[in-house]
PDB file of all heavy atoms in Angstrom:
ATOM      1  N   PRO A   1      91.491  57.192  70.336  1.00  0.00           N
ATOM      2  CA  PRO A   1      91.104  58.020  71.476  1.00  0.00           C
ATOM      3  C   PRO A   1      91.273  59.498  71.232  1.00  0.00           C
ATOM      4  O   PRO A   1      90.670  60.296  71.975  1.00  0.00           O
ATOM      5  CB  PRO A   1      92.033  57.553  72.585  1.00  0.00           C
ATOM      6  CG  PRO A   1      93.227  56.961  71.863  1.00  0.00           C
ATOM      7  CD  PRO A   1      92.704  56.379  70.605  1.00  0.00           C
ATOM      8  N   GLN A   2      91.972  59.901  70.179  1.00  0.00           N
ATOM      9  CA  GLN A   2      92.112  61.324  69.851  1.00  0.00           C
ATOM     10  C   GLN A   2      91.007  61.767  68.882  1.00  0.00           C
ATOM     11  O   GLN A   2      90.397  62.833  69.060  1.00  0.00           O
ATOM     12  CB  GLN A   2      93.478  61.609  69.249  1.00  0.00           C
ATOM     13  CG  GLN A   2      94.639  61.187  70.136  1.00  0.00           C
ATOM     14  CD  GLN A   2      94.709  62.016  71.426  1.00  0.00           C
ATOM     15  OE1 GLN A   2      94.363  63.178  71.436  1.00  0.00           O
ATOM     16  NE2 GLN A   2      95.094  61.397  72.501  1.00  0.00           N
ATOM     17  N   CYS A   3      90.780  60.965  67.816  1.00  0.00           N
ATOM     18  CA  CYS A   3      89.818  61.325  66.808  1.00  0.00           C
ATOM     19  C   CYS A   3      88.370  60.965  67.196  1.00  0.00           C
ATOM     20  O   CYS A   3      87.418  61.708  66.940  1.00  0.00           O
ATOM     21  CB  CYS A   3      90.120  60.652  65.456  1.00  0.00           C
ATOM     22  SG  CYS A   3      91.813  61.004  64.869  1.00  0.00           S
ATOM     23  N   HIS A   4      88.204  59.803  67.844  1.00  0.00           N
ATOM     24  CA  HIS A   4      86.868  59.328  68.229  1.00  0.00           C
ATOM     25  C   HIS A   4      86.897  58.817  69.672  1.00  0.00           C
ATOM     26  O   HIS A   4      86.831  57.608  69.918  1.00  0.00           O
ATOM     27  CB  HIS A   4      86.412  58.213  67.269  1.00  0.00           C
ATOM     28  CG  HIS A   4      86.494  58.566  65.830  1.00  0.00           C
ATOM     29  ND1 HIS A   4      85.688  59.495  65.251  1.00  0.00           N
ATOM     30  CD2 HIS A   4      87.326  58.109  64.865  1.00  0.00           C
ATOM     31  CE1 HIS A   4      85.975  59.603  63.976  1.00  0.00           C
ATOM     32  NE2 HIS A   4      86.996  58.798  63.708  1.00  0.00           N
ATOM     33  N   PRO A   5      87.044  59.730  70.648  1.00  0.00           N
ATOM     34  CA  PRO A   5      87.156  59.281  72.050  1.00  0.00           C
ATOM     35  C   PRO A   5      85.909  58.577  72.507  1.00  0.00           C
ATOM     36  O   PRO A   5      84.791  58.898  72.124  1.00  0.00           O
ATOM     37  CB  PRO A   5      87.349  60.593  72.808  1.00  0.00           C
ATOM     38  CG  PRO A   5      86.813  61.658  71.907  1.00  0.00           C
ATOM     39  CD  PRO A   5      87.061  61.193  70.514  1.00  0.00           C
ATOM     40  N   MET A   6      86.100  57.525  73.362  1.00  0.00           N
ATOM     41  CA  MET A   6      85.024  56.739  73.918  1.00  0.00           C
ATOM     42  C   MET A   6      84.881  57.022  75.417  1.00  0.00           C
ATOM     43  O   MET A   6      85.867  57.396  76.081  1.00  0.00           O
ATOM     44  CB  MET A   6      85.285  55.235  73.702  1.00  0.00           C
ATOM     45  CG  MET A   6      85.347  54.803  72.280  1.00  0.00           C
ATOM     46  SD  MET A   6      85.658  53.019  72.149  1.00  0.00           S
ATOM     47  CE  MET A   6      84.160  52.358  72.893  1.00  0.00           C
ATOM     48  N   GLN A   7      83.722  56.833  75.942  1.00  0.00           N
ATOM     49  CA  GLN A   7      83.479  57.014  77.369  1.00  0.00           C
ATOM     50  C   GLN A   7      83.984  55.754  78.109  1.00  0.00           C
ATOM     51  O   GLN A   7      83.667  54.643  77.743  1.00  0.00           O
ATOM     52  CB  GLN A   7      81.959  57.193  77.659  1.00  0.00           C
ATOM     53  CG  GLN A   7      81.636  57.361  79.133  1.00  0.00           C
ATOM     54  CD  GLN A   7      82.207  58.646  79.707  1.00  0.00           C
ATOM     55  OE1 GLN A   7      82.171  59.674  79.074  1.00  0.00           O
ATOM     56  NE2 GLN A   7      82.762  58.561  80.894  1.00  0.00           N
ATOM     57  N   ALA A   8      84.823  55.936  79.095  1.00  0.00           N
ATOM     58  CA  ALA A   8      85.335  54.823  79.846  1.00  0.00           C
ATOM     59  C   ALA A   8      84.214  54.131  80.581  1.00  0.00           C
ATOM     60  O   ALA A   8      83.233  54.757  81.009  1.00  0.00           O
ATOM     61  CB  ALA A   8      86.370  55.313  80.881  1.00  0.00           C
ATOM     62  N   PRO A   9      84.286  52.793  80.730  1.00  0.00           N
ATOM     63  CA  PRO A   9      83.212  52.055  81.432  1.00  0.00           C
ATOM     64  C   PRO A   9      83.151  52.434  82.898  1.00  0.00           C
ATOM     65  O   PRO A   9      84.177  52.706  83.522  1.00  0.00           O
ATOM     66  CB  PRO A   9      83.572  50.592  81.242  1.00  0.00           C
ATOM     67  CG  PRO A   9      85.062  50.643  81.040  1.00  0.00           C
ATOM     68  CD  PRO A   9      85.340  51.909  80.271  1.00  0.00           C
ATOM     69  N   GLN A  10      81.948  52.450  83.445  1.00  0.00           N
ATOM     70  CA  GLN A  10      81.778  52.732  84.870  1.00  0.00           C
ATOM     71  C   GLN A  10      82.035  51.465  85.662  1.00  0.00           C
ATOM     72  O   GLN A  10      81.559  50.411  85.330  1.00  0.00           O
ATOM     73  CB  GLN A  10      80.378  53.237  85.161  1.00  0.00           C
ATOM     74  CG  GLN A  10      80.080  54.573  84.477  1.00  0.00           C
ATOM     75  CD  GLN A  10      78.741  55.111  84.924  1.00  0.00           C
ATOM     76  OE1 GLN A  10      78.099  54.540  85.771  1.00  0.00           O
ATOM     77  NE2 GLN A  10      78.309  56.196  84.306  1.00  0.00           N
ATOM     78  N   THR A  11      82.803  51.616  86.735  1.00  0.00           N
ATOM     79  CA  THR A  11      83.075  50.484  87.620  1.00  0.00           C
ATOM     80  C   THR A  11      82.892  50.918  89.035  1.00  0.00           C
ATOM     81  O   THR A  11      83.362  51.974  89.425  1.00  0.00           O
ATOM     82  CB  THR A  11      84.485  49.966  87.439  1.00  0.00           C
ATOM     83  OG1 THR A  11      85.411  51.034  87.680  1.00  0.00           O
ATOM     84  CG2 THR A  11      84.732  49.445  86.053  1.00  0.00           C
ATOM     85  N   GLY A  12      82.195  50.138  89.849  1.00  0.00           N
ATOM     86  CA  GLY A  12      82.055  50.421  91.280  1.00  0.00           C
ATOM     87  C   GLY A  12      81.197  51.666  91.483  1.00  0.00           C
ATOM     88  O   GLY A  12      80.087  51.790  90.994  1.00  0.00           O
ATOM     89  N   ALA A  13      81.774  52.665  92.186  1.00  0.00           N
ATOM     90  CA  ALA A  13      81.065  53.878  92.555  1.00  0.00           C
ATOM     91  C   ALA A  13      80.694  54.672  91.317  1.00  0.00           C
ATOM     92  O   ALA A  13      81.244  54.501  90.211  1.00  0.00           O
ATOM     93  CB  ALA A  13      81.913  54.725  93.505  1.00  0.00           C
ATOM     94  N   THR A  14      79.800  55.578  91.470  1.00  0.00           N
ATOM     95  CA  THR A  14      79.327  56.412  90.382  1.00  0.00           C
ATOM     96  C   THR A  14      80.479  57.130  89.696  1.00  0.00           C
ATOM     97  O   THR A  14      81.244  57.813  90.360  1.00  0.00           O
ATOM     98  CB  THR A  14      78.289  57.455  90.873  1.00  0.00           C
ATOM     99  OG1 THR A  14      77.239  56.720  91.537  1.00  0.00           O
ATOM    100  CG2 THR A  14      77.748  58.272  89.741  1.00  0.00           C
ATOM    101  N   ALA A  15      80.605  56.946  88.377  1.00  0.00           N
ATOM    102  CA  ALA A  15      81.725  57.615  87.647  1.00  0.00           C
ATOM    103  C   ALA A  15      81.428  59.076  87.456  1.00  0.00           C
ATOM    104  O   ALA A  15      80.289  59.465  87.304  1.00  0.00           O
ATOM    105  CB  ALA A  15      81.931  56.933  86.305  1.00  0.00           C
ATOM    106  N   HIS A  16      82.490  59.865  87.478  1.00  0.00           N
ATOM    107  CA  HIS A  16      82.330  61.292  87.230  1.00  0.00           C
ATOM    108  C   HIS A  16      83.603  61.809  86.577  1.00  0.00           C
ATOM    109  O   HIS A  16      84.642  61.200  86.656  1.00  0.00           O
ATOM    110  CB  HIS A  16      82.046  62.066  88.532  1.00  0.00           C
ATOM    111  CG  HIS A  16      83.078  61.817  89.585  1.00  0.00           C
ATOM    112  ND1 HIS A  16      83.016  60.817  90.482  1.00  0.00           N
ATOM    113  CD2 HIS A  16      84.245  62.477  89.865  1.00  0.00           C
ATOM    114  CE1 HIS A  16      84.069  60.845  91.292  1.00  0.00           C
ATOM    115  NE2 HIS A  16      84.846  61.843  90.905  1.00  0.00           N
ATOM    116  N   SER A  17      83.475  62.965  85.951  1.00  0.00           N
ATOM    117  CA  SER A  17      84.623  63.510  85.238  1.00  0.00           C
ATOM    118  C   SER A  17      84.984  64.884  85.747  1.00  0.00           C
ATOM    119  O   SER A  17      84.128  65.611  86.251  1.00  0.00           O
ATOM    120  CB  SER A  17      84.261  63.649  83.716  1.00  0.00           C
ATOM    121  OG  SER A  17      85.304  64.343  83.051  1.00  0.00           O
ATOM    122  N   ALA A  18      86.300  65.225  85.710  1.00  0.00           N
ATOM    123  CA  ALA A  18      86.735  66.498  86.211  1.00  0.00           C
ATOM    124  C   ALA A  18      86.464  67.623  85.227  1.00  0.00           C
ATOM    125  O   ALA A  18      86.493  68.782  85.591  1.00  0.00           O
ATOM    126  CB  ALA A  18      88.256  66.460  86.496  1.00  0.00           C
ATOM    127  N   ASP A  19      86.127  67.273  83.973  1.00  0.00           N
ATOM    128  CA  ASP A  19      85.947  68.319  82.977  1.00  0.00           C
ATOM    129  C   ASP A  19      84.479  68.553  82.701  1.00  0.00           C
ATOM    130  O   ASP A  19      84.074  68.900  81.601  1.00  0.00           O
ATOM    131  CB  ASP A  19      86.685  67.964  81.672  1.00  0.00           C
ATOM    132  CG  ASP A  19      86.192  66.628  81.120  1.00  0.00           C
ATOM    133  OD1 ASP A  19      85.358  65.948  81.764  1.00  0.00           O
ATOM    134  OD2 ASP A  19      86.621  66.287  80.053  1.00  0.00           O
ATOM    135  N   ASN A  20      83.648  68.435  83.724  1.00  0.00           N
ATOM    136  CA  ASN A  20      82.224  68.699  83.529  1.00  0.00           C
ATOM    137  C   ASN A  20      81.831  70.136  83.765  1.00  0.00           C
ATOM    138  O   ASN A  20      80.686  70.469  83.999  1.00  0.00           O
ATOM    139  CB  ASN A  20      81.368  67.774  84.436  1.00  0.00           C
ATOM    140  CG  ASN A  20      81.767  67.966  85.912  1.00  0.00           C
ATOM    141  OD1 ASN A  20      82.577  68.840  86.256  1.00  0.00           O
ATOM    142  ND2 ASN A  20      81.203  67.153  86.790  1.00  0.00           N
ATOM    143  N   GLY A  21      82.838  71.021  83.785  1.00  0.00           N
ATOM    144  CA  GLY A  21      82.557  72.446  84.037  1.00  0.00           C
ATOM    145  C   GLY A  21      82.480  72.808  85.477  1.00  0.00           C
ATOM    146  O   GLY A  21      82.312  73.975  85.798  1.00  0.00           O
ATOM    147  N   GLU A  22      82.608  71.814  86.409  1.00  0.00           N
ATOM    148  CA  GLU A  22      82.566  72.086  87.830  1.00  0.00           C
ATOM    149  C   GLU A  22      83.839  71.600  88.448  1.00  0.00           C
ATOM    150  O   GLU A  22      84.191  70.434  88.327  1.00  0.00           O
ATOM    151  CB  GLU A  22      81.370  71.404  88.457  1.00  0.00           C
ATOM    152  CG  GLU A  22      79.998  71.766  87.858  1.00  0.00           C
ATOM    153  CD  GLU A  22      78.910  70.942  88.521  1.00  0.00           C
ATOM    154  OE1 GLU A  22      78.739  69.775  88.148  1.00  0.00           O
ATOM    155  OE2 GLU A  22      78.255  71.462  89.400  1.00  0.00           O
ATOM    156  N   TRP A  23      84.526  72.458  89.124  1.00  0.00           N
ATOM    157  CA  TRP A  23      85.746  72.054  89.803  1.00  0.00           C
ATOM    158  C   TRP A  23      85.969  72.919  91.023  1.00  0.00           C
ATOM    159  O   TRP A  23      85.984  74.141  90.926  1.00  0.00           O
ATOM    160  CB  TRP A  23      86.945  72.132  88.878  1.00  0.00           C
ATOM    161  CG  TRP A  23      88.206  71.625  89.499  1.00  0.00           C
ATOM    162  CD1 TRP A  23      89.213  72.352  90.021  1.00  0.00           C
ATOM    163  CD2 TRP A  23      88.543  70.261  89.710  1.00  0.00           C
ATOM    164  NE1 TRP A  23      90.198  71.534  90.533  1.00  0.00           N
ATOM    165  CE2 TRP A  23      89.791  70.230  90.368  1.00  0.00           C
ATOM    166  CE3 TRP A  23      87.919  69.045  89.442  1.00  0.00           C
ATOM    167  CZ2 TRP A  23      90.427  69.064  90.738  1.00  0.00           C
ATOM    168  CZ3 TRP A  23      88.537  67.880  89.810  1.00  0.00           C
ATOM    169  CH2 TRP A  23      89.808  67.862  90.441  1.00  0.00           C
ATOM    170  N   CYS A  24      86.160  72.270  92.160  1.00  0.00           N
ATOM    171  CA  CYS A  24      86.441  72.979  93.425  1.00  0.00           C
ATOM    172  C   CYS A  24      87.968  72.993  93.616  1.00  0.00           C
ATOM    173  O   CYS A  24      88.540  71.968  94.005  1.00  0.00           O
ATOM    174  CB  CYS A  24      85.756  72.296  94.584  1.00  0.00           C
ATOM    175  SG  CYS A  24      86.121  73.070  96.174  1.00  0.00           S
ATOM    176  N   ALA A  25      88.611  74.080  93.265  1.00  0.00           N
ATOM    177  CA  ALA A  25      90.060  74.181  93.330  1.00  0.00           C
ATOM    178  C   ALA A  25      90.534  74.137  94.790  1.00  0.00           C
ATOM    179  O   ALA A  25      91.639  73.693  95.084  1.00  0.00           O
ATOM    180  CB  ALA A  25      90.557  75.443  92.643  1.00  0.00           C
ATOM    181  N   GLY A  26      89.678  74.607  95.692  1.00  0.00           N
ATOM    182  CA  GLY A  26      90.064  74.620  97.095  1.00  0.00           C
ATOM    183  C   GLY A  26      90.209  73.227  97.701  1.00  0.00           C
ATOM    184  O   GLY A  26      91.019  73.064  98.636  1.00  0.00           O
ATOM    185  N   HIS A  27      89.439  72.246  97.195  1.00  0.00           N
ATOM    186  CA  HIS A  27      89.492  70.891  97.803  1.00  0.00           C
ATOM    187  C   HIS A  27      89.918  69.836  96.797  1.00  0.00           C
ATOM    188  O   HIS A  27      90.124  68.686  97.173  1.00  0.00           O
ATOM    189  CB  HIS A  27      88.138  70.561  98.404  1.00  0.00           C
ATOM    190  CG  HIS A  27      87.747  71.489  99.528  1.00  0.00           C
ATOM    191  ND1 HIS A  27      86.764  72.448  99.399  1.00  0.00           N
ATOM    192  CD2 HIS A  27      88.239  71.614 100.789  1.00  0.00           C
ATOM    193  CE1 HIS A  27      86.662  73.121 100.543  1.00  0.00           C
ATOM    194  NE2 HIS A  27      87.526  72.658 101.382  1.00  0.00           N
ATOM    195  N   GLY A  28      90.032  70.169  95.503  1.00  0.00           N
ATOM    196  CA  GLY A  28      90.575  69.243  94.532  1.00  0.00           C
ATOM    197  C   GLY A  28      89.623  68.140  94.095  1.00  0.00           C
ATOM    198  O   GLY A  28      90.045  66.989  94.001  1.00  0.00           O
ATOM    199  N   LEU A  29      88.355  68.471  93.853  1.00  0.00           N
ATOM    200  CA  LEU A  29      87.372  67.507  93.319  1.00  0.00           C
ATOM    201  C   LEU A  29      86.268  68.263  92.639  1.00  0.00           C
ATOM    202  O   LEU A  29      86.151  69.479  92.806  1.00  0.00           O
ATOM    203  CB  LEU A  29      86.854  66.602  94.442  1.00  0.00           C
ATOM    204  CG  LEU A  29      85.797  67.182  95.431  1.00  0.00           C
ATOM    205  CD1 LEU A  29      85.149  66.046  96.204  1.00  0.00           C
ATOM    206  CD2 LEU A  29      86.388  68.176  96.393  1.00  0.00           C
ATOM    207  N   PRO A  30      85.400  67.568  91.872  1.00  0.00           N
ATOM    208  CA  PRO A  30      84.290  68.293  91.207  1.00  0.00           C
ATOM    209  C   PRO A  30      83.405  69.004  92.228  1.00  0.00           C
ATOM    210  O   PRO A  30      83.135  68.465  93.322  1.00  0.00           O
ATOM    211  CB  PRO A  30      83.543  67.176  90.452  1.00  0.00           C
ATOM    212  CG  PRO A  30      84.568  66.120  90.220  1.00  0.00           C
ATOM    213  CD  PRO A  30      85.458  66.144  91.412  1.00  0.00           C
ATOM    214  N   GLU A  31      82.939  70.204  91.875  1.00  0.00           N
ATOM    215  CA  GLU A  31      82.126  71.005  92.787  1.00  0.00           C
ATOM    216  C   GLU A  31      80.862  70.240  93.224  1.00  0.00           C
ATOM    217  O   GLU A  31      80.426  70.352  94.337  1.00  0.00           O
ATOM    218  CB  GLU A  31      81.736  72.305  92.100  1.00  0.00           C
ATOM    219  CG  GLU A  31      81.017  73.328  92.967  1.00  0.00           C
ATOM    220  CD  GLU A  31      81.935  73.954  93.978  1.00  0.00           C
ATOM    221  OE1 GLU A  31      83.146  73.992  93.715  1.00  0.00           O
ATOM    222  OE2 GLU A  31      81.464  74.398  95.036  1.00  0.00           O
ATOM    223  N   SER A  32      80.292  69.457  92.270  1.00  0.00           N
ATOM    224  CA  SER A  32      79.056  68.728  92.571  1.00  0.00           C
ATOM    225  C   SER A  32      79.273  67.595  93.571  1.00  0.00           C
ATOM    226  O   SER A  32      78.323  67.005  94.055  1.00  0.00           O
ATOM    227  CB  SER A  32      78.461  68.141  91.284  1.00  0.00           C
ATOM    228  OG  SER A  32      79.390  67.282  90.652  1.00  0.00           O
ATOM    229  N   HIS A  33      80.550  67.277  93.894  1.00  0.00           N
ATOM    230  CA  HIS A  33      80.864  66.221  94.879  1.00  0.00           C
ATOM    231  C   HIS A  33      81.565  66.766  96.128  1.00  0.00           C
ATOM    232  O   HIS A  33      81.938  65.993  96.983  1.00  0.00           O
ATOM    233  CB  HIS A  33      81.781  65.179  94.228  1.00  0.00           C
ATOM    234  CG  HIS A  33      81.095  64.289  93.227  1.00  0.00           C
ATOM    235  ND1 HIS A  33      80.531  64.760  92.075  1.00  0.00           N
ATOM    236  CD2 HIS A  33      80.831  62.933  93.260  1.00  0.00           C
ATOM    237  CE1 HIS A  33      79.985  63.740  91.406  1.00  0.00           C
ATOM    238  NE2 HIS A  33      80.167  62.635  92.091  1.00  0.00           N
ATOM    239  N   CYS A  34      81.714  68.095  96.204  1.00  0.00           N
ATOM    240  CA  CYS A  34      82.446  68.698  97.314  1.00  0.00           C
ATOM    241  C   CYS A  34      81.504  68.852  98.502  1.00  0.00           C
ATOM    242  O   CYS A  34      80.670  69.784  98.572  1.00  0.00           O
ATOM    243  CB  CYS A  34      83.030  70.031  96.919  1.00  0.00           C
ATOM    244  SG  CYS A  34      84.056  70.758  98.251  1.00  0.00           S
ATOM    245  N   THR A  35      81.664  67.957  99.460  1.00  0.00           N
ATOM    246  CA  THR A  35      80.811  68.021 100.663  1.00  0.00           C
ATOM    247  C   THR A  35      81.338  68.977 101.725  1.00  0.00           C
ATOM    248  O   THR A  35      80.669  69.193 102.745  1.00  0.00           O
ATOM    249  CB  THR A  35      80.697  66.601 101.279  1.00  0.00           C
ATOM    250  OG1 THR A  35      82.007  66.028 101.406  1.00  0.00           O
ATOM    251  CG2 THR A  35      79.856  65.699 100.385  1.00  0.00           C
ATOM    252  N   LYS A  36      82.515  69.551 101.465  1.00  0.00           N
ATOM    253  CA  LYS A  36      83.018  70.603 102.362  1.00  0.00           C
ATOM    254  C   LYS A  36      82.322  71.926 102.055  1.00  0.00           C
ATOM    255  O   LYS A  36      81.953  72.667 102.952  1.00  0.00           O
ATOM    256  CB  LYS A  36      84.548  70.759 102.226  1.00  0.00           C
ATOM    257  CG  LYS A  36      85.308  69.508 102.541  1.00  0.00           C
ATOM    258  CD  LYS A  36      85.226  69.107 104.014  1.00  0.00           C
ATOM    259  CE  LYS A  36      86.111  67.914 104.332  1.00  0.00           C
ATOM    260  NZ  LYS A  36      85.956  67.442 105.711  1.00  0.00           N
ATOM    261  N   CYS A  37      82.199  72.217 100.760  1.00  0.00           N
ATOM    262  CA  CYS A  37      81.512  73.456 100.336  1.00  0.00           C
ATOM    263  C   CYS A  37      80.003  73.288 100.386  1.00  0.00           C
ATOM    264  O   CYS A  37      79.257  74.264 100.560  1.00  0.00           O
ATOM    265  CB  CYS A  37      81.967  73.825  98.916  1.00  0.00           C
ATOM    266  SG  CYS A  37      83.732  74.186  98.820  1.00  0.00           S
ATOM    267  N   HIS A  38      79.515  72.045 100.211  1.00  0.00           N
ATOM    268  CA  HIS A  38      78.077  71.794 100.146  1.00  0.00           C
ATOM    269  C   HIS A  38      77.736  70.653 101.122  1.00  0.00           C
ATOM    270  O   HIS A  38      77.471  69.513 100.678  1.00  0.00           O
ATOM    271  CB  HIS A  38      77.652  71.446  98.729  1.00  0.00           C
ATOM    272  CG  HIS A  38      78.084  72.450  97.700  1.00  0.00           C
ATOM    273  ND1 HIS A  38      77.503  73.667  97.571  1.00  0.00           N
ATOM    274  CD2 HIS A  38      79.085  72.372  96.786  1.00  0.00           C
ATOM    275  CE1 HIS A  38      78.115  74.341  96.589  1.00  0.00           C
ATOM    276  NE2 HIS A  38      79.090  73.592  96.113  1.00  0.00           N
ATOM    277  N   PRO A  39      77.766  70.903 102.416  1.00  0.00           N
ATOM    278  CA  PRO A  39      77.484  69.844 103.387  1.00  0.00           C
ATOM    279  C   PRO A  39      76.112  69.214 103.265  1.00  0.00           C
ATOM    280  O   PRO A  39      75.869  68.110 103.739  1.00  0.00           O
ATOM    281  CB  PRO A  39      77.676  70.533 104.729  1.00  0.00           C
ATOM    282  CG  PRO A  39      77.532  71.990 104.454  1.00  0.00           C
ATOM    283  CD  PRO A  39      78.026  72.220 103.070  1.00  0.00           C
ATOM    284  N   GLU A  40      75.194  69.896 102.594  1.00  0.00           N
ATOM    285  CA  GLU A  40      73.839  69.331 102.429  1.00  0.00           C
ATOM    286  C   GLU A  40      73.862  68.102 101.546  1.00  0.00           C
ATOM    287  O   GLU A  40      72.863  67.324 101.522  1.00  0.00           O
ATOM    288  CB  GLU A  40      72.914  70.370 101.823  1.00  0.00           C
ATOM    289  CG  GLU A  40      73.239  70.790 100.382  1.00  0.00           C
ATOM    290  CD  GLU A  40      74.225  71.942 100.291  1.00  0.00           C
ATOM    291  OE1 GLU A  40      74.845  72.256 101.335  1.00  0.00           O
ATOM    292  OE2 GLU A  40      74.415  72.483  99.175  1.00  0.00           O
TER     293      GLU A  40
END
């Protein structure tokens, strides 16, 4: 997992990662999933 990391399998709801360059520090989730900042 250090030299050749693998993508974890998706289970249930759509999988997402915190290190995708988007992070809403005010609400503690990825910016692309923050419905408080982006109610649309």
